[in-house]
């Protein structure tokens, strides 16, 4: 593809991977049963980090397993062995690494290279070092493992809710077996961080295609996906370019902004106003359009440009816009639950502000829950 997207805040460009074959449902099963309702966690990602003050290298899971089914490289190409590569004690959420484990270990120093060094970006919270950064996500994928396990532990965090009443027109069109879904958003919705985006195993498509596949499988519908997302953009761009989404004559539009708005310190009121203006522009041409508004994930808390509080204000502003024809996919609240229980580095594809395959699946599960 000849399209290029800018990483949020970096000013650097990277190419979009070839799209998944339209009309497919190969990945639907990975997102139709969300992790908060399932007793099998599939391919939860973990990065093992050696911190200076810690002798033991360990990683934490979301739930307490009753059985570890498999541990593989994030690519899925290497299968790790219990005892040899990792140790798990029943009743624990923690995996530890014995000596001579084949599982990669990342040092805290590697995650904080000198400012201006190779694979570095910006300034870390300590003010002395930078943050490890890699645009596509391929490098971070080599540092993470995927853990599949059974458990009996109920999810006690935020549970995304259905918004069927708000999205009644969309549901009616899905039941009528035909829907046009347009994505108008930033780099996460463009696909940044998903392995399929940078042509690496397991070639999982981004969350937007996972949503389309999930809807095709759930409703047996023809779902035509048009992705107009562009990296590096914020809601001021959305206001200027909303006509492009309107020209697609969409049935439903995913509007996903906030990450770049937060780094640029756009106020919550301006964010809300910009989102409303973008929707109004689209509805002038396509008055029956429904909207799914994405409350964004937060960036690395070790990055001073990350502003979780402002992202929380954006989420609240989006809920002020919710109503007939408008629903909020609250990725923010669920992401906050994840990073309280796990390390941000378990979930990122670039070390800064993009989700990995596991994060993209969570994104898709939240959106699909709206149309449950």
Protein backbone atom coordinates (compact mmCIF):
# COMPACT_ATOMS: atom_id res chain seq x y z
CA UNK A 1 0.00 0.00 0.00
CA UNK A 2 1.17 3.50 -0.73
CA UNK A 3 -0.36 5.02 2.40
CA UNK A 4 1.80 6.34 5.20
CA UNK A 5 0.85 7.26 8.74
CA UNK A 6 2.68 9.38 11.28
CA UNK A 7 3.30 7.97 14.72
CA UNK A 8 1.56 10.07 17.36
CA UNK A 9 3.89 12.90 18.25
CA UNK A 10 6.99 11.44 16.59
CA UNK A 11 6.97 13.09 13.20
CA UNK A 12 8.13 9.79 11.64
CA UNK A 13 6.28 7.80 9.00
CA UNK A 14 5.74 4.11 8.42
CA UNK A 15 3.89 2.09 5.82
CA UNK A 16 0.56 0.39 6.34
CA UNK A 17 0.60 -3.36 5.84
CA UNK A 18 -1.52 -5.03 3.21
CA UNK A 19 -5.13 -5.29 4.36
CA UNK A 20 -6.77 -8.53 5.43
CA UNK A 21 -8.90 -10.07 2.70
CA UNK A 22 -12.27 -8.29 2.87
CA UNK A 23 -15.27 -10.28 3.98
CA UNK A 24 -13.28 -12.72 6.11
CA UNK A 25 -14.08 -14.01 9.59
CA UNK A 26 -10.89 -15.94 10.37
CA UNK A 27 -10.18 -13.98 13.57
CA UNK A 28 -13.76 -13.53 14.76
CA UNK A 29 -13.55 -16.18 17.48
CA UNK A 30 -10.71 -14.25 19.16
CA UNK A 31 -13.00 -11.30 19.92
CA UNK A 32 -16.59 -12.57 20.08
CA UNK A 33 -16.09 -13.99 23.57
CA UNK A 34 -14.53 -11.15 25.59
CA UNK A 35 -11.93 -11.97 28.21
CA UNK A 36 -14.16 -10.70 31.05
CA UNK A 37 -16.75 -13.44 30.39
CA UNK A 38 -14.46 -16.32 29.46
CA UNK A 39 -12.72 -18.88 31.69
CA UNK A 40 -9.97 -19.32 29.12
CA UNK A 41 -7.55 -16.46 28.58
CA UNK A 42 -6.01 -16.72 25.14
CA UNK A 43 -2.58 -15.30 24.32
CA UNK A 44 -2.32 -12.75 27.09
CA UNK A 45 0.96 -10.94 26.52
CA UNK A 46 3.73 -10.51 29.08
CA UNK A 47 7.14 -8.81 28.91
CA UNK A 48 9.76 -9.96 31.41
CA UNK A 49 11.75 -6.99 32.72
CA UNK A 50 14.87 -7.17 34.90
CA UNK A 51 14.73 -4.22 37.27
CA UNK A 52 17.88 -3.09 39.11
CA UNK A 53 16.45 -3.71 42.59
CA UNK A 54 15.05 -7.16 41.79
CA UNK A 55 16.93 -10.45 41.60
CA UNK A 56 13.99 -12.46 40.30
CA UNK A 57 12.58 -11.86 36.83
CA UNK A 58 8.82 -12.31 36.71
CA UNK A 59 5.68 -11.39 34.81
CA UNK A 60 2.09 -11.03 36.00
CA UNK A 61 -1.15 -12.36 34.54
CA UNK A 62 -4.63 -10.86 34.82
CA UNK A 63 -6.17 -13.95 36.43
CA UNK A 64 -4.98 -16.80 38.64
CA UNK A 65 -4.64 -19.83 36.37
CA UNK A 66 -5.96 -23.26 37.22
CA UNK A 67 -3.96 -24.60 34.29
CA UNK A 68 -1.35 -23.17 31.96
CA UNK A 69 -2.27 -24.35 28.47
CA UNK A 70 0.73 -22.93 26.62
CA UNK A 71 3.36 -20.22 26.67
CA UNK A 72 4.77 -19.15 23.32
CA UNK A 73 6.69 -16.29 21.79
CA UNK A 74 4.39 -13.45 20.80
CA UNK A 75 5.01 -14.50 17.19
CA UNK A 76 3.65 -17.94 18.15
CA UNK A 77 6.67 -19.64 16.60
CA UNK A 78 8.46 -20.78 19.79
CA UNK A 79 6.78 -22.93 22.46
CA UNK A 80 8.25 -22.54 25.94
CA UNK A 81 8.40 -25.37 28.46
CA UNK A 82 7.29 -25.33 32.09
CA UNK A 83 10.22 -25.82 34.44
CA UNK A 84 12.83 -25.19 31.79
CA UNK A 85 11.69 -21.74 30.60
CA UNK A 86 9.23 -20.59 33.25
CA UNK A 87 7.96 -21.55 36.68
CA UNK A 88 4.37 -21.20 37.79
CA UNK A 89 3.17 -22.04 41.30
CA UNK A 90 -0.53 -23.03 41.53
CA UNK A 91 -2.54 -20.26 43.20
CA UNK A 92 -0.27 -17.55 41.81
CA UNK A 93 -0.71 -15.04 38.97
CA UNK A 94 3.05 -14.78 38.53
CA UNK A 95 5.41 -16.54 36.13
CA UNK A 96 9.09 -16.49 37.06
CA UNK A 97 12.07 -17.27 34.90
CA UNK A 98 14.73 -19.79 35.98
CA UNK A 99 18.34 -19.49 34.93
CA UNK A 100 18.96 -20.41 31.29
CA UNK A 101 15.35 -19.75 30.32
CA UNK A 102 14.88 -19.19 26.60
CA UNK A 103 12.32 -16.46 27.26
CA UNK A 104 13.73 -13.00 26.45
CA UNK A 105 14.51 -10.68 29.34
CA UNK A 106 14.63 -6.91 28.89
CA UNK A 107 16.67 -4.84 31.32
CA UNK A 108 15.41 -1.62 32.82
CA UNK A 109 18.45 0.10 31.31
CA UNK A 110 17.49 -1.16 27.83
CA UNK A 111 14.03 0.32 28.32
CA UNK A 112 15.66 3.68 29.17
CA UNK A 113 18.36 4.37 26.57
CA UNK A 114 20.35 7.61 26.64
CA UNK A 115 18.62 10.62 25.17
CA UNK A 116 19.20 10.72 21.43
CA UNK A 117 20.33 7.11 21.37
CA UNK A 118 19.26 4.41 18.95
CA UNK A 119 15.61 3.42 19.36
CA UNK A 120 14.96 6.22 21.82
CA UNK A 121 12.16 8.76 22.01
CA UNK A 122 11.61 11.80 24.17
CA UNK A 123 12.40 11.93 27.84
CA UNK A 124 11.51 9.44 30.57
CA UNK A 125 9.96 10.50 33.86
CA UNK A 126 13.38 10.48 35.56
CA UNK A 127 14.41 13.39 33.33
CA UNK A 128 17.76 11.73 32.65
CA UNK A 129 17.05 9.00 30.13
CA UNK A 130 14.83 8.39 27.13
CA UNK A 131 12.28 5.67 26.42
CA UNK A 132 12.80 2.62 24.25
CA UNK A 133 10.77 3.12 21.13
CA UNK A 134 10.24 1.28 17.86
CA UNK A 135 7.72 2.46 15.31
CA UNK A 136 6.15 -0.65 13.86
CA UNK A 137 5.99 -2.94 16.89
CA UNK A 138 8.07 -5.77 15.47
CA UNK A 139 10.88 -5.30 18.00
CA UNK A 140 8.61 -5.21 21.03
CA UNK A 141 6.90 -8.34 19.78
CA UNK A 142 10.25 -10.17 20.04
CA UNK A 143 10.39 -9.23 23.74
CA UNK A 144 6.92 -10.46 24.69
CA UNK A 145 5.39 -13.89 25.24
CA UNK A 146 1.78 -15.03 24.85
CA UNK A 147 0.19 -17.06 27.65
CA UNK A 148 -2.97 -19.14 27.27
CA UNK A 149 -4.49 -20.50 30.46
CA UNK A 150 -7.71 -21.62 32.14
CA UNK A 151 -9.02 -19.95 35.27
CA UNK A 152 -12.11 -19.76 37.49
CA UNK A 153 -11.67 -16.19 38.66
CA UNK A 154 -14.46 -13.70 37.91
CA UNK A 155 -13.46 -10.38 36.40
CA UNK A 156 -13.93 -7.75 39.10
CA UNK A 157 -13.02 -4.73 37.02
CA UNK A 158 -14.99 -2.53 34.66
CA UNK A 159 -17.38 -4.48 32.43
CA UNK A 160 -18.23 -2.81 29.10
CA UNK A 161 -21.94 -2.49 28.48
CA UNK A 162 -24.19 -2.92 25.48
CA UNK A 163 -25.45 0.23 23.77
CA UNK A 164 -28.07 -1.41 21.57
CA UNK A 165 -30.67 1.29 22.23
CA UNK A 166 -28.32 4.03 21.10
CA UNK A 167 -27.21 2.04 18.05
CA UNK A 168 -30.62 0.72 17.04
CA UNK A 169 -30.20 1.72 13.38
CA UNK A 170 -26.87 -0.06 13.18
CA UNK A 171 -28.32 -3.21 14.70
CA UNK A 172 -31.25 -3.09 12.29
CA UNK A 173 -28.88 -2.88 9.32
CA UNK A 174 -26.81 -5.76 10.66
CA UNK A 175 -29.97 -7.85 10.97
CA UNK A 176 -30.80 -6.82 7.42
CA UNK A 177 -27.37 -8.27 6.52
CA UNK A 178 -25.63 -5.18 5.18
CA UNK A 179 -23.61 -2.47 6.91
CA UNK A 180 -21.05 0.13 5.86
CA UNK A 181 -18.57 0.86 8.64
CA UNK A 182 -16.26 3.85 8.26
CA UNK A 183 -13.31 4.46 10.58
CA UNK A 184 -12.25 8.08 11.04
CA UNK A 185 -9.55 8.22 13.67
CA UNK A 186 -5.84 8.25 14.59
CA UNK A 187 -2.97 5.74 14.43
CA UNK A 188 -4.40 3.09 16.76
CA UNK A 189 -7.46 2.79 14.52
CA UNK A 190 -5.22 2.91 11.44
CA UNK A 191 -3.81 -0.36 12.79
CA UNK A 192 -0.52 0.66 14.39
CA UNK A 193 0.80 -2.07 16.66
CA UNK A 194 -1.12 -5.04 15.28
CA UNK A 195 1.14 -7.74 13.86
CA UNK A 196 -0.87 -7.84 10.66
CA UNK A 197 -0.13 -4.15 10.23
CA UNK A 198 3.60 -4.80 9.90
CA UNK A 199 3.36 -8.23 8.23
CA UNK A 200 4.68 -10.33 11.10
CA UNK A 201 3.35 -13.58 12.63
CA UNK A 202 0.70 -14.21 13.75
CA UNK A 203 -0.56 -11.53 11.32
CA UNK A 204 -3.49 -10.52 13.48
CA UNK A 205 -5.45 -7.68 11.88
CA UNK A 206 -6.04 -4.40 13.74
CA UNK A 207 -9.05 -3.96 15.98
CA UNK A 208 -11.14 -2.30 13.28
CA UNK A 209 -10.92 -5.36 11.04
CA UNK A 210 -11.49 -7.60 14.08
CA UNK A 211 -14.71 -5.67 14.72
CA UNK A 212 -15.80 -6.13 11.11
CA UNK A 213 -15.02 -9.84 11.25
CA UNK A 214 -16.85 -10.21 14.55
CA UNK A 215 -19.95 -8.52 13.14
CA UNK A 216 -19.87 -10.67 10.00
CA UNK A 217 -19.69 -13.82 12.11
CA UNK A 218 -22.27 -12.72 14.69
CA UNK A 219 -24.92 -11.43 12.27
CA UNK A 220 -24.04 -13.22 9.03
CA UNK A 221 -23.95 -9.76 7.49
CA UNK A 222 -21.98 -8.16 4.70
CA UNK A 223 -19.87 -5.58 6.53
CA UNK A 224 -17.98 -3.20 4.26
CA UNK A 225 -15.11 -1.57 6.15
CA UNK A 226 -13.57 1.72 4.96
CA UNK A 227 -10.64 2.85 7.12
CA UNK A 228 -9.80 6.55 6.80
CA UNK A 229 -7.76 6.68 10.02
CA UNK A 230 -4.47 8.52 9.87
CA UNK A 231 -1.66 8.49 12.40
CA UNK A 232 -0.61 11.60 14.25
CA UNK A 233 -4.01 13.29 13.98
CA UNK A 234 -6.22 14.88 16.60
CA UNK A 235 -9.72 16.33 16.75
CA UNK A 236 -8.70 19.57 15.04
CA UNK A 237 -7.88 17.47 11.98
CA UNK A 238 -11.17 15.63 12.41
CA UNK A 239 -13.06 18.90 12.10
CA UNK A 240 -11.20 19.82 8.89
CA UNK A 241 -11.49 16.38 7.27
CA UNK A 242 -14.91 15.15 8.43
CA UNK A 243 -16.25 15.71 4.91
CA UNK A 244 -14.12 12.76 3.76
CA UNK A 245 -16.01 10.43 6.10
CA UNK A 246 -19.34 11.96 5.08
CA UNK A 247 -18.61 11.32 1.40
CA UNK A 248 -18.51 7.59 2.14
CA UNK A 249 -22.24 7.68 3.03
CA UNK A 250 -21.62 5.52 6.12
CA UNK A 251 -24.09 3.61 8.23
CA UNK A 252 -21.87 3.85 11.30
CA UNK A 253 -18.63 5.74 11.93
CA UNK A 254 -15.97 4.89 14.50
CA UNK A 255 -14.51 8.20 15.70
CA UNK A 256 -11.30 7.51 17.59
CA UNK A 257 -9.21 10.42 18.85
CA UNK A 258 -7.64 11.53 22.10
CA UNK A 259 -4.07 10.26 22.28
CA UNK A 260 -2.62 13.07 20.21
CA UNK A 261 -5.05 15.58 21.70
CA UNK A 262 -3.67 14.73 25.15
CA UNK A 263 -0.02 15.16 24.17
CA UNK A 264 -0.94 18.51 22.58
CA UNK A 265 -2.90 19.53 25.69
CA UNK A 266 -6.16 20.19 23.87
CA UNK A 267 -8.72 20.96 26.55
CA UNK A 268 -11.59 18.58 27.25
CA UNK A 269 -14.08 21.25 26.23
CA UNK A 270 -12.34 21.84 22.89
CA UNK A 271 -12.10 18.07 22.41
CA UNK A 272 -15.84 17.69 23.00
CA UNK A 273 -16.65 20.59 20.72
CA UNK A 274 -14.43 19.22 17.94
CA UNK A 275 -16.01 15.77 18.16
CA UNK A 276 -19.49 17.27 18.03
CA UNK A 277 -18.55 19.39 15.02
CA UNK A 278 -17.14 16.39 13.18
CA UNK A 279 -20.35 14.43 13.80
CA UNK A 280 -22.49 17.37 12.70
CA UNK A 281 -20.51 17.67 9.47
CA UNK A 282 -20.96 14.00 8.68
CA UNK A 283 -24.67 14.10 9.43
CA UNK A 284 -25.24 17.02 7.06
CA UNK A 285 -24.46 14.62 4.23
CA UNK A 286 -25.44 11.32 5.87
CA UNK A 287 -28.16 12.18 8.44
CA UNK A 288 -28.84 8.59 9.49
CA UNK A 289 -25.25 7.86 10.51
CA UNK A 290 -24.62 6.26 13.89
CA UNK A 291 -21.39 6.94 15.78
CA UNK A 292 -19.13 4.88 18.02
CA UNK A 293 -16.84 7.21 19.95
CA UNK A 294 -13.59 5.69 21.22
CA UNK A 295 -12.44 6.76 24.68
CA UNK A 296 -8.73 6.24 24.12
CA UNK A 297 -6.20 4.06 25.91
CA UNK A 298 -3.48 5.90 27.80
CA UNK A 299 0.20 6.08 26.90
CA UNK A 300 3.23 4.86 28.85
CA UNK A 301 3.00 6.38 32.36
CA UNK A 302 6.81 6.71 32.29
CA UNK A 303 6.44 9.22 29.41
CA UNK A 304 5.85 12.78 30.70
CA UNK A 305 3.78 13.62 27.61
CA UNK A 306 1.27 10.99 28.68
CA UNK A 307 -1.70 12.61 30.41
CA UNK A 308 -4.07 10.02 31.82
CA UNK A 309 -6.10 12.65 33.67
CA UNK A 310 -6.79 14.56 30.46
CA UNK A 311 -7.74 11.30 28.73
CA UNK A 312 -10.18 10.69 31.58
CA UNK A 313 -11.69 14.10 30.96
CA UNK A 314 -12.02 13.20 27.26
CA UNK A 315 -13.88 10.03 28.21
CA UNK A 316 -16.28 12.02 30.36
CA UNK A 317 -16.76 14.52 27.52
CA UNK A 318 -17.63 11.70 25.11
CA UNK A 319 -20.29 10.36 27.45
CA UNK A 320 -21.83 13.84 27.40
CA UNK A 321 -22.28 13.34 23.66
CA UNK A 322 -23.84 9.87 23.98
CA UNK A 323 -27.50 9.38 23.17
CA UNK A 324 -29.67 8.17 20.29
CA UNK A 325 -27.30 7.32 17.45
CA UNK A 326 -24.14 7.86 19.55
CA UNK A 327 -22.40 5.33 21.82
CA UNK A 328 -19.06 5.37 23.64
CA UNK A 329 -16.59 2.48 23.49
CA UNK A 330 -14.91 3.04 26.85
CA UNK A 331 -11.46 1.67 26.08
CA UNK A 332 -10.02 4.13 28.59
CA UNK A 333 -11.62 2.63 31.69
CA UNK A 334 -10.83 -0.96 30.79
CA UNK A 335 -7.25 -0.05 29.84
CA UNK A 336 -6.80 1.59 33.24
CA UNK A 337 -7.89 -1.66 34.86
CA UNK A 338 -5.37 -3.59 32.78
CA UNK A 339 -2.40 -1.38 33.61
CA UNK A 340 -3.27 -1.54 37.32
CA UNK A 341 -3.01 -5.33 37.18
CA UNK A 342 -0.21 -5.64 34.64
CA UNK A 343 2.70 -3.62 33.30
CA UNK A 344 2.07 -1.19 30.45
CA UNK A 345 4.98 -2.88 28.67
CA UNK A 346 2.98 -6.12 28.57
CA UNK A 347 0.41 -4.39 26.39
CA UNK A 348 2.34 -2.04 24.11
CA UNK A 349 3.68 -2.51 20.61
CA UNK A 350 5.96 0.52 20.45
CA UNK A 351 6.80 1.31 24.07
CA UNK A 352 4.92 4.60 23.99
CA UNK A 353 1.31 4.75 22.83
CA UNK A 354 0.25 1.83 20.62
CA UNK A 355 -1.37 -1.44 21.72
CA UNK A 356 0.01 -4.83 20.70
CA UNK A 357 -2.11 -7.71 19.39
CA UNK A 358 -3.60 -8.38 22.82
CA UNK A 359 -4.48 -4.69 23.17
CA UNK A 360 -6.10 -4.63 19.73
CA UNK A 361 -8.23 -7.64 20.69
CA UNK A 362 -9.38 -5.86 23.84
CA UNK A 363 -10.25 -2.80 21.76
CA UNK A 364 -12.36 -4.96 19.43
CA UNK A 365 -14.07 -6.75 22.32
CA UNK A 366 -15.18 -3.43 23.84
CA UNK A 367 -16.59 -2.16 20.52
CA UNK A 368 -18.38 -5.45 19.82
CA UNK A 369 -19.91 -5.37 23.30
CA UNK A 370 -21.75 -2.19 22.29
CA UNK A 371 -23.52 -4.22 19.58
CA UNK A 372 -24.15 -7.29 21.71
